[in-house]
Amino acid sequence: MSFLMRTVPLARSVPRTSTRLFATTPTTRKTATETAKETVEQATQKAKEAIGLGSGKSSELAGEAKGKASEVAGKVKGEASEATGKAKGTAEEVSAEARAKGQDAKAKVQGSD
């Protein structure tokens, strides 16, 4: 009777590795929400630092831009006054020529009378 043969169960002494079942110290792992919160805090801190550095640089650049603008404005003002002087000189020359021609024409008219 082979079906009545006695079978011996296999020993299941496989060592099991388990996580900490009992400990007196807190776990060092963080939850997903704690990790996300820290990441957001770090990003916020970096943004604050960048804004702080950016405002200092922007005021420095604004000062440089003002200096360049005043320099260019002075140069343009000088060129404008020079052009105005030339225009006045040319106008006086043309006016003097016109007066001379007018007097010559007046003299011719009076002379032909």
Protein backbone atom coordinates (compact mmCIF):
# COMPACT_ATOMS: atom_id res chain seq x y z
CA MET A 1 0.00 0.00 0.00
CA SER A 2 1.95 2.69 -1.32
CA PHE A 3 -0.57 5.36 -0.60
CA LEU A 4 -0.31 4.80 3.07
CA MET A 5 3.37 5.37 3.11
CA ARG A 6 4.38 7.83 5.67
CA THR A 7 5.87 11.06 4.44
CA VAL A 8 8.10 13.22 6.45
CA PRO A 9 7.47 16.95 6.13
CA LEU A 10 10.44 19.01 5.06
CA ALA A 11 12.01 21.17 7.65
CA ARG A 12 11.31 24.81 6.93
CA SER A 13 14.10 26.39 8.76
CA VAL A 14 14.78 29.05 6.16
CA PRO A 15 16.10 32.11 7.93
CA ARG A 16 13.81 35.07 7.53
CA THR A 17 14.97 38.60 7.37
CA SER A 18 12.53 41.00 8.80
CA THR A 19 12.35 44.68 9.30
CA ARG A 20 12.71 46.19 12.72
CA LEU A 21 9.98 44.74 14.81
CA PHE A 22 10.94 46.52 17.99
CA ALA A 23 13.39 49.32 18.54
CA THR A 24 13.91 52.13 21.00
CA THR A 25 15.39 54.58 18.47
CA PRO A 26 13.33 56.36 15.84
CA THR A 27 13.63 55.29 12.26
CA THR A 28 15.94 57.28 10.05
CA ARG A 29 13.75 56.99 7.00
CA LYS A 30 11.53 59.90 6.09
CA THR A 31 8.07 59.76 4.70
CA ALA A 32 7.31 61.06 1.24
CA THR A 33 5.61 64.15 2.64
CA GLU A 34 8.60 65.00 4.83
CA THR A 35 10.96 64.65 1.86
CA ALA A 36 8.72 66.83 -0.33
CA LYS A 37 8.43 69.44 2.41
CA GLU A 38 12.22 69.64 2.79
CA THR A 39 12.66 69.94 -0.97
CA VAL A 40 10.18 72.81 -1.12
CA GLU A 41 11.91 74.56 1.80
CA GLN A 42 15.31 74.22 0.10
CA ALA A 43 13.93 75.58 -3.18
CA THR A 44 12.34 78.50 -1.35
CA GLN A 45 15.60 79.29 0.41
CA LYS A 46 17.55 79.21 -2.85
CA ALA A 47 14.98 81.48 -4.50
CA LYS A 48 15.24 83.96 -1.61
CA GLU A 49 19.03 83.98 -1.93
CA ALA A 50 18.83 84.47 -5.70
CA ILE A 51 16.42 87.38 -5.28
CA GLY A 52 18.69 88.94 -2.70
CA LEU A 53 21.71 88.65 -4.98
CA GLY A 54 19.68 89.74 -7.99
CA SER A 55 18.52 92.97 -6.38
CA GLY A 56 22.10 93.96 -5.56
CA LYS A 57 23.24 93.26 -9.09
CA SER A 58 20.25 95.03 -10.59
CA SER A 59 20.96 98.20 -8.62
CA GLU A 60 24.61 97.99 -9.70
CA LEU A 61 23.55 97.60 -13.33
CA ALA A 62 21.08 100.45 -12.96
CA GLY A 63 23.88 102.69 -11.71
CA GLU A 64 26.06 101.74 -14.67
CA ALA A 65 23.17 102.36 -17.06
CA LYS A 66 22.58 105.81 -15.54
CA GLY A 67 26.25 106.66 -15.97
CA LYS A 68 26.25 105.55 -19.60
CA ALA A 69 22.99 107.40 -20.26
CA SER A 70 24.33 110.66 -18.83
CA GLU A 71 27.54 110.24 -20.81
CA VAL A 72 25.61 109.69 -24.04
CA ALA A 73 23.25 112.56 -23.20
CA GLY A 74 26.22 114.91 -22.70
CA LYS A 75 27.74 113.81 -25.99
CA VAL A 76 24.45 114.28 -27.84
CA LYS A 77 23.91 117.67 -26.21
CA GLY A 78 27.39 118.78 -27.34
CA GLU A 79 26.75 117.60 -30.88
CA ALA A 80 23.36 119.33 -30.90
CA SER A 81 24.85 122.65 -29.76
CA GLU A 82 27.56 122.30 -32.40
CA ALA A 83 24.94 121.68 -35.10
CA THR A 84 22.91 124.63 -33.80
CA GLY A 85 25.99 126.86 -34.03
CA LYS A 86 26.65 125.75 -37.61
CA ALA A 87 23.03 126.37 -38.55
CA LYS A 88 23.11 129.86 -37.04
CA GLY A 89 26.34 130.65 -38.90
CA THR A 90 24.89 129.44 -42.18
CA ALA A 91 21.69 131.41 -41.58
CA GLU A 92 23.70 134.58 -40.93
CA GLU A 93 25.73 134.03 -44.11
CA VAL A 94 22.60 133.53 -46.19
CA SER A 95 20.98 136.55 -44.58
CA ALA A 96 24.03 138.70 -45.30
CA GLU A 97 24.07 137.54 -48.94
CA ALA A 98 20.37 138.26 -49.26
CA ARG A 99 20.85 141.78 -47.84
CA ALA A 100 23.74 142.43 -50.20
CA LYS A 101 21.74 141.24 -53.21
CA GLY A 102 18.78 143.30 -52.02
CA GLN A 103 20.90 146.42 -51.76
CA ASP A 104 22.44 145.72 -55.17
CA ALA A 105 18.99 145.35 -56.67
CA LYS A 106 17.83 148.53 -54.90
CA ALA A 107 20.87 150.39 -56.23
CA LYS A 108 20.16 149.17 -59.76
CA VAL A 109 16.56 150.25 -59.55
CA GLN A 110 17.52 153.69 -58.22
CA GLY A 111 20.31 154.01 -60.76
CA SER A 112 18.06 153.29 -63.71
CA ASP A 113 15.61 155.98 -62.70
